[in-house]
Structures are given as structure tokens and as C-alpha cells.
PDB file of N, CA and C in Angstrom:
ATOM      1  N   MET A   1     -21.845 -69.102 -26.546  1.00  0.00           N
ATOM      2  CA  MET A   1     -20.835 -68.284 -26.431  1.00  0.00           C
ATOM      3  C   MET A   1     -20.711 -67.063 -27.689  1.00  0.00           C
ATOM      4  N   PHE A   2     -20.905 -65.845 -27.418  1.00  0.00           N
ATOM      5  CA  PHE A   2     -20.911 -64.913 -28.609  1.00  0.00           C
ATOM      6  C   PHE A   2     -19.504 -64.525 -28.912  1.00  0.00           C
ATOM      7  N   ILE A   3     -18.776 -64.425 -30.108  1.00  0.00           N
ATOM      8  CA  ILE A   3     -17.641 -64.074 -30.467  1.00  0.00           C
ATOM      9  C   ILE A   3     -17.859 -62.942 -31.477  1.00  0.00           C
ATOM     10  N   ALA A   4     -17.208 -61.916 -31.157  1.00  0.00           N
ATOM     11  CA  ALA A   4     -17.358 -60.585 -31.842  1.00  0.00           C
ATOM     12  C   ALA A   4     -16.616 -60.790 -33.250  1.00  0.00           C
ATOM     13  N   PRO A   5     -17.451 -60.341 -34.263  1.00  0.00           N
ATOM     14  CA  PRO A   5     -16.898 -60.484 -35.665  1.00  0.00           C
ATOM     15  C   PRO A   5     -15.410 -59.910 -35.773  1.00  0.00           C
ATOM     16  N   SER A   6     -15.106 -58.886 -35.046  1.00  0.00           N
ATOM     17  CA  SER A   6     -13.858 -58.184 -35.010  1.00  0.00           C
ATOM     18  C   SER A   6     -12.724 -59.183 -34.518  1.00  0.00           C
ATOM     19  N   SER A   7     -13.120 -59.974 -33.684  1.00  0.00           N
ATOM     20  CA  SER A   7     -12.291 -61.063 -32.999  1.00  0.00           C
ATOM     21  C   SER A   7     -11.866 -62.017 -33.969  1.00  0.00           C
ATOM     22  N   LEU A   8     -12.694 -62.411 -34.739  1.00  0.00           N
ATOM     23  CA  LEU A   8     -12.776 -63.436 -35.839  1.00  0.00           C
ATOM     24  C   LEU A   8     -11.876 -62.880 -36.899  1.00  0.00           C
ATOM     25  N   VAL A   9     -12.111 -61.513 -37.376  1.00  0.00           N
ATOM     26  CA  VAL A   9     -10.940 -61.079 -38.402  1.00  0.00           C
ATOM     27  C   VAL A   9      -9.469 -60.906 -37.701  1.00  0.00           C
ATOM     28  N   LEU A  10      -9.365 -60.628 -36.745  1.00  0.00           N
ATOM     29  CA  LEU A  10      -7.932 -60.621 -35.983  1.00  0.00           C
ATOM     30  C   LEU A  10      -7.363 -61.995 -35.925  1.00  0.00           C
ATOM     31  N   ARG A  11      -8.197 -62.971 -35.628  1.00  0.00           N
ATOM     32  CA  ARG A  11      -7.740 -64.388 -35.696  1.00  0.00           C
ATOM     33  C   ARG A  11      -7.430 -65.093 -37.113  1.00  0.00           C
ATOM     34  N   ASN A  12      -7.870 -64.497 -37.915  1.00  0.00           N
ATOM     35  CA  ASN A  12      -7.764 -65.054 -39.679  1.00  0.00           C
ATOM     36  C   ASN A  12      -6.618 -64.472 -40.218  1.00  0.00           C
ATOM     37  N   ARG A  13      -5.586 -65.107 -40.121  1.00  0.00           N
ATOM     38  CA  ARG A  13      -4.264 -64.519 -40.835  1.00  0.00           C
ATOM     39  C   ARG A  13      -4.471 -64.094 -42.247  1.00  0.00           C
ATOM     40  N   ASP A  14      -5.285 -64.939 -42.953  1.00  0.00           N
ATOM     41  CA  ASP A  14      -5.514 -64.798 -44.486  1.00  0.00           C
ATOM     42  C   ASP A  14      -6.214 -63.495 -44.733  1.00  0.00           C
ATOM     43  N   LEU A  15      -7.093 -63.009 -43.870  1.00  0.00           N
ATOM     44  CA  LEU A  15      -7.632 -61.821 -43.882  1.00  0.00           C
ATOM     45  C   LEU A  15      -6.722 -60.637 -43.588  1.00  0.00           C
ATOM     46  N   LEU A  16      -6.036 -60.831 -42.721  1.00  0.00           N
ATOM     47  CA  LEU A  16      -4.991 -59.906 -42.337  1.00  0.00           C
ATOM     48  C   LEU A  16      -4.083 -59.556 -43.532  1.00  0.00           C
ATOM     49  N   ASP A  17      -3.697 -60.637 -44.061  1.00  0.00           N
ATOM     50  CA  ASP A  17      -2.486 -60.441 -45.181  1.00  0.00           C
ATOM     51  C   ASP A  17      -3.296 -59.839 -46.267  1.00  0.00           C
ATOM     52  N   ILE A  18      -4.422 -60.018 -46.507  1.00  0.00           N
ATOM     53  CA  ILE A  18      -5.365 -59.219 -47.683  1.00  0.00           C
ATOM     54  C   ILE A  18      -5.428 -57.903 -47.395  1.00  0.00           C
ATOM     55  N   ILE A  19      -5.783 -57.480 -46.175  1.00  0.00           N
ATOM     56  CA  ILE A  19      -5.808 -56.132 -45.640  1.00  0.00           C
ATOM     57  C   ILE A  19      -4.461 -55.336 -45.751  1.00  0.00           C
ATOM     58  N   PHE A  20      -3.542 -55.994 -45.481  1.00  0.00           N
ATOM     59  CA  PHE A  20      -2.202 -55.322 -45.378  1.00  0.00           C
ATOM     60  C   PHE A  20      -1.757 -55.149 -46.861  1.00  0.00           C
ATOM     61  N   GLU A  21      -1.851 -56.109 -47.782  1.00  0.00           N
ATOM     62  CA  GLU A  21      -1.642 -55.983 -49.074  1.00  0.00           C
ATOM     63  C   GLU A  21      -2.202 -54.560 -49.690  1.00  0.00           C
ATOM     64  N   PHE A  22      -3.263 -54.239 -49.289  1.00  0.00           N
ATOM     65  CA  PHE A  22      -3.729 -53.002 -49.707  1.00  0.00           C
ATOM     66  C   PHE A  22      -2.910 -51.765 -49.075  1.00  0.00           C
ATOM     67  N   LEU A  23      -2.410 -51.891 -48.014  1.00  0.00           N
ATOM     68  CA  LEU A  23      -1.515 -50.856 -47.380  1.00  0.00           C
ATOM     69  C   LEU A  23      -0.284 -51.096 -47.918  1.00  0.00           C
ATOM     70  N   GLN A  24       0.369 -51.874 -48.765  1.00  0.00           N
ATOM     71  CA  GLN A  24       1.556 -51.743 -49.378  1.00  0.00           C
ATOM     72  C   GLN A  24       1.945 -50.688 -50.190  1.00  0.00           C
ATOM     73  N   TYR A  25       0.666 -50.195 -50.856  1.00  0.00           N
ATOM     74  CA  TYR A  25       0.759 -49.309 -51.859  1.00  0.00           C
ATOM     75  C   TYR A  25       0.786 -47.732 -51.141  1.00  0.00           C
ATOM     76  N   GLU A  26       0.587 -47.770 -49.951  1.00  0.00           N
ATOM     77  CA  GLU A  26       0.416 -46.504 -49.268  1.00  0.00           C
ATOM     78  C   GLU A  26       1.848 -46.198 -48.619  1.00  0.00           C
ATOM     79  N   LYS A  27       1.857 -45.202 -47.869  1.00  0.00           N
ATOM     80  CA  LYS A  27       3.464 -45.002 -47.387  1.00  0.00           C
ATOM     81  C   LYS A  27       3.687 -46.308 -46.271  1.00  0.00           C
ATOM     82  N   ARG A  28       4.987 -46.430 -46.227  1.00  0.00           N
ATOM     83  CA  ARG A  28       5.441 -47.443 -45.362  1.00  0.00           C
ATOM     84  C   ARG A  28       5.020 -47.042 -43.937  1.00  0.00           C
ATOM     85  N   ARG A  29       5.011 -45.951 -43.493  1.00  0.00           N
ATOM     86  CA  ARG A  29       4.807 -45.396 -42.314  1.00  0.00           C
ATOM     87  C   ARG A  29       3.559 -46.055 -41.594  1.00  0.00           C
ATOM     88  N   GLU A  30       2.635 -46.178 -42.555  1.00  0.00           N
ATOM     89  CA  GLU A  30       1.277 -46.815 -42.025  1.00  0.00           C
ATOM     90  C   GLU A  30       1.372 -48.365 -41.819  1.00  0.00           C
ATOM     91  N   LEU A  31       2.381 -48.891 -42.369  1.00  0.00           N
ATOM     92  CA  LEU A  31       2.492 -50.557 -42.078  1.00  0.00           C
ATOM     93  C   LEU A  31       3.057 -50.558 -40.973  1.00  0.00           C
ATOM     94  N   LEU A  32       4.178 -49.673 -40.825  1.00  0.00           N
ATOM     95  CA  LEU A  32       4.950 -49.660 -39.177  1.00  0.00           C
ATOM     96  C   LEU A  32       3.899 -49.465 -38.085  1.00  0.00           C
ATOM     97  N   TRP A  33       3.175 -48.294 -38.252  1.00  0.00           N
ATOM     98  CA  TRP A  33       2.124 -48.055 -37.136  1.00  0.00           C
ATOM     99  C   TRP A  33       1.193 -49.276 -37.193  1.00  0.00           C
ATOM    100  N   ALA A  34       0.733 -50.026 -38.113  1.00  0.00           N
ATOM    101  CA  ALA A  34      -0.145 -51.077 -37.914  1.00  0.00           C
ATOM    102  C   ALA A  34       0.579 -52.051 -37.119  1.00  0.00           C
ATOM    103  N   SER A  35       1.835 -52.347 -37.570  1.00  0.00           N
ATOM    104  CA  SER A  35       2.617 -53.258 -36.894  1.00  0.00           C
ATOM    105  C   SER A  35       2.552 -53.090 -35.422  1.00  0.00           C
ATOM    106  N   LEU A  36       2.705 -51.894 -34.823  1.00  0.00           N
ATOM    107  CA  LEU A  36       2.821 -51.530 -33.396  1.00  0.00           C
ATOM    108  C   LEU A  36       1.439 -51.645 -32.953  1.00  0.00           C
ATOM    109  N   THR A  37       0.300 -51.730 -33.600  1.00  0.00           N
ATOM    110  CA  THR A  37      -1.000 -51.405 -33.118  1.00  0.00           C
ATOM    111  C   THR A  37      -1.454 -52.920 -32.209  1.00  0.00           C
ATOM    112  N   SER A  38      -1.176 -54.016 -32.604  1.00  0.00           N
ATOM    113  CA  SER A  38      -1.556 -55.049 -32.028  1.00  0.00           C
ATOM    114  C   SER A  38      -0.599 -56.311 -32.203  1.00  0.00           C
ATOM    115  N   LYS A  39      -0.820 -57.217 -31.476  1.00  0.00           N
ATOM    116  CA  LYS A  39      -0.118 -58.662 -31.595  1.00  0.00           C
ATOM    117  C   LYS A  39      -0.271 -59.254 -32.965  1.00  0.00           C
ATOM    118  N   ALA A  40      -1.692 -59.084 -33.240  1.00  0.00           N
ATOM    119  CA  ALA A  40      -2.345 -59.876 -34.331  1.00  0.00           C
ATOM    120  C   ALA A  40      -1.782 -59.069 -35.754  1.00  0.00           C
ATOM    121  N   PHE A  41      -1.632 -57.815 -35.584  1.00  0.00           N
ATOM    122  CA  PHE A  41      -1.147 -57.181 -36.927  1.00  0.00           C
ATOM    123  C   PHE A  41       0.212 -57.103 -36.859  1.00  0.00           C
ATOM    124  N   LEU A  42       1.024 -57.504 -36.063  1.00  0.00           N
ATOM    125  CA  LEU A  42       2.472 -57.459 -36.089  1.00  0.00           C
ATOM    126  C   LEU A  42       3.194 -58.283 -37.231  1.00  0.00           C
ATOM    127  N   GLU A  43       3.090 -59.577 -37.269  1.00  0.00           N
ATOM    128  CA  GLU A  43       3.543 -60.181 -38.210  1.00  0.00           C
ATOM    129  C   GLU A  43       3.075 -60.150 -39.588  1.00  0.00           C
ATOM    130  N   PRO A  44       1.806 -59.842 -39.851  1.00  0.00           N
ATOM    131  CA  PRO A  44       1.381 -59.478 -41.378  1.00  0.00           C
ATOM    132  C   PRO A  44       1.835 -58.179 -41.870  1.00  0.00           C
ATOM    133  N   ALA A  45       1.823 -57.210 -41.155  1.00  0.00           N
ATOM    134  CA  ALA A  45       2.282 -55.824 -41.580  1.00  0.00           C
ATOM    135  C   ALA A  45       3.894 -56.130 -41.601  1.00  0.00           C
ATOM    136  N   LEU A  46       4.503 -56.603 -40.748  1.00  0.00           N
ATOM    137  CA  LEU A  46       5.988 -56.555 -40.955  1.00  0.00           C
ATOM    138  C   LEU A  46       6.634 -57.392 -42.141  1.00  0.00           C
ATOM    139  N   ASN A  47       5.790 -58.542 -42.357  1.00  0.00           N
ATOM    140  CA  ASN A  47       6.047 -59.302 -43.738  1.00  0.00           C
ATOM    141  C   ASN A  47       6.018 -58.445 -44.949  1.00  0.00           C
ATOM    142  N   ILE A  48       5.022 -57.703 -45.020  1.00  0.00           N
ATOM    143  CA  ILE A  48       4.665 -56.780 -46.160  1.00  0.00           C
ATOM    144  C   ILE A  48       5.694 -55.642 -46.128  1.00  0.00           C
ATOM    145  N   LEU A  49       6.090 -54.996 -44.807  1.00  0.00           N
ATOM    146  CA  LEU A  49       6.979 -53.931 -44.832  1.00  0.00           C
ATOM    147  C   LEU A  49       8.544 -54.477 -45.429  1.00  0.00           C
ATOM    148  N   TRP A  50       8.841 -55.695 -44.777  1.00  0.00           N
ATOM    149  CA  TRP A  50      10.073 -56.139 -45.130  1.00  0.00           C
ATOM    150  C   TRP A  50      10.151 -56.690 -46.916  1.00  0.00           C
ATOM    151  N   ARG A  51       9.075 -57.041 -47.270  1.00  0.00           N
ATOM    152  CA  ARG A  51       8.809 -57.221 -48.712  1.00  0.00           C
ATOM    153  C   ARG A  51       9.080 -56.358 -49.602  1.00  0.00           C
ATOM    154  N   ARG A  52       8.641 -55.054 -49.057  1.00  0.00           N
ATOM    155  CA  ARG A  52       8.614 -53.680 -49.813  1.00  0.00           C
ATOM    156  C   ARG A  52       9.722 -53.017 -49.586  1.00  0.00           C
ATOM    157  N   MET A  53      10.760 -53.509 -48.917  1.00  0.00           N
ATOM    158  CA  MET A  53      11.982 -52.685 -48.612  1.00  0.00           C
ATOM    159  C   MET A  53      12.860 -52.546 -49.845  1.00  0.00           C
ATOM    160  N   ILE A  54      13.166 -51.235 -50.205  1.00  0.00           N
ATOM    161  CA  ILE A  54      13.678 -50.639 -51.216  1.00  0.00           C
ATOM    162  C   ILE A  54      15.387 -50.709 -51.299  1.00  0.00           C
ATOM    163  N   GLU A  55      15.887 -50.342 -49.881  1.00  0.00           N
ATOM    164  CA  GLU A  55      17.176 -50.491 -49.779  1.00  0.00           C
ATOM    165  C   GLU A  55      17.781 -51.572 -48.665  1.00  0.00           C
ATOM    166  N   ILE A  56      18.798 -51.834 -48.777  1.00  0.00           N
ATOM    167  CA  ILE A  56      19.203 -53.111 -47.712  1.00  0.00           C
ATOM    168  C   ILE A  56      19.902 -52.282 -46.474  1.00  0.00           C
ATOM    169  N   TRP A  57      19.952 -50.959 -46.466  1.00  0.00           N
ATOM    170  CA  TRP A  57      20.531 -50.391 -45.269  1.00  0.00           C
ATOM    171  C   TRP A  57      19.786 -50.631 -43.966  1.00  0.00           C
ATOM    172  N   PRO A  58      18.334 -50.542 -43.896  1.00  0.00           N
ATOM    173  CA  PRO A  58      17.813 -50.675 -42.692  1.00  0.00           C
ATOM    174  C   PRO A  58      17.969 -52.114 -42.114  1.00  0.00           C
ATOM    175  N   LEU A  59      18.295 -53.187 -43.033  1.00  0.00           N
ATOM    176  CA  LEU A  59      18.770 -54.393 -42.531  1.00  0.00           C
ATOM    177  C   LEU A  59      20.101 -54.736 -41.944  1.00  0.00           C
ATOM    178  N   PHE A  60      20.937 -53.942 -42.397  1.00  0.00           N
ATOM    179  CA  PHE A  60      22.264 -53.497 -41.813  1.00  0.00           C
ATOM    180  C   PHE A  60      22.289 -52.864 -40.645  1.00  0.00           C
ATOM    181  N   ARG A  61      21.297 -51.910 -40.364  1.00  0.00           N
ATOM    182  CA  ARG A  61      21.211 -51.061 -39.199  1.00  0.00           C
ATOM    183  C   ARG A  61      20.907 -51.762 -38.108  1.00  0.00           C
ATOM    184  N   LEU A  62      20.333 -53.094 -38.231  1.00  0.00           N
ATOM    185  CA  LEU A  62      20.058 -54.042 -37.271  1.00  0.00           C
ATOM    186  C   LEU A  62      21.248 -54.581 -36.336  1.00  0.00           C
ATOM    187  N   LEU A  63      22.547 -54.528 -37.001  1.00  0.00           N
ATOM    188  CA  LEU A  63      23.641 -54.965 -36.711  1.00  0.00           C
ATOM    189  C   LEU A  63      24.085 -54.068 -35.820  1.00  0.00           C
ATOM    190  N   PRO A  64      24.605 -54.188 -34.520  1.00  0.00           N
ATOM    191  CA  PRO A  64      24.967 -53.218 -33.496  1.00  0.00           C
ATOM    192  C   PRO A  64      26.460 -52.681 -33.906  1.00  0.00           C
ATOM    193  N   THR A  65      27.194 -53.207 -34.803  1.00  0.00           N
ATOM    194  CA  THR A  65      28.433 -52.753 -35.121  1.00  0.00           C
ATOM    195  C   THR A  65      28.472 -51.945 -36.423  1.00  0.00           C
ATOM    196  N   PHE A  66      27.385 -51.802 -37.192  1.00  0.00           N
ATOM    197  CA  PHE A  66      27.260 -51.334 -38.394  1.00  0.00           C
ATOM    198  C   PHE A  66      27.243 -49.712 -38.504  1.00  0.00           C
ATOM    199  N   ASN A  67      28.060 -49.344 -39.300  1.00  0.00           N
ATOM    200  CA  ASN A  67      28.288 -47.889 -39.401  1.00  0.00           C
ATOM    201  C   ASN A  67      28.146 -47.486 -40.929  1.00  0.00           C
ATOM    202  N   LYS A  68      27.054 -46.871 -41.365  1.00  0.00           N
ATOM    203  CA  LYS A  68      26.913 -46.551 -42.824  1.00  0.00           C
ATOM    204  C   LYS A  68      27.927 -45.647 -43.243  1.00  0.00           C
ATOM    205  N   ASP A  69      28.407 -44.753 -42.466  1.00  0.00           N
ATOM    206  CA  ASP A  69      29.551 -43.771 -42.952  1.00  0.00           C
ATOM    207  C   ASP A  69      30.905 -44.426 -43.451  1.00  0.00           C
ATOM    208  N   THR A  70      31.068 -45.549 -42.803  1.00  0.00           N
ATOM    209  CA  THR A  70      32.531 -46.156 -42.953  1.00  0.00           C
ATOM    210  C   THR A  70      32.230 -47.405 -43.887  1.00  0.00           C
ATOM    211  N   CYS A  71      31.143 -47.517 -44.457  1.00  0.00           N
ATOM    212  CA  CYS A  71      31.066 -48.736 -45.415  1.00  0.00           C
ATOM    213  C   CYS A  71      31.353 -48.028 -46.822  1.00  0.00           C
ATOM    214  N   VAL A  72      32.015 -49.038 -47.503  1.00  0.00           N
ATOM    215  CA  VAL A  72      32.507 -48.655 -48.796  1.00  0.00           C
ATOM    216  C   VAL A  72      31.488 -49.041 -49.888  1.00  0.00           C
ATOM    217  N   SER A  73      31.126 -47.963 -50.669  1.00  0.00           N
ATOM    218  CA  SER A  73      30.061 -48.257 -51.702  1.00  0.00           C
ATOM    219  C   SER A  73      30.612 -48.938 -52.970  1.00  0.00           C
TER     220      SER A  73
END
């Protein structure tokens, strides 16, 4: 049974982590796009994206009742 090398890379979480570590120095948009590309890329790309989060506002925006304008700084 032949298994394509690309399939082996997609199944190897350590390799995906290394690949996405290189992307963390680029724009965050590329990490988002990578996370939306395949199920194999989702978790490693999002882990880096959350790790590189500069502000906390994106986390608060996940809450349905949050409104940044009414929040006191």
C-alpha cells in the first residue's frame, strides 16, 4: 500500500508545528488562511495565531454580549 509523502506530512503534528512556527513571523492573515485550508492545518495554525495575539479584544469579541464601545478603558 502506497502512502503519499504529503499525507505523511499532514498526519505529523510535529512537522506542522514547525512549519507554522515559520509563518508566525509573517502576517497573521496567512495563519488564518492556513487554518481554514484543511482540518490538519486548523489546530496548529490557530495555536500559533492565539499565541501571537497582541490584544485581548479578539478574545472578548467571542462573547455575544460584548461591546467594545461600552467597555471602560
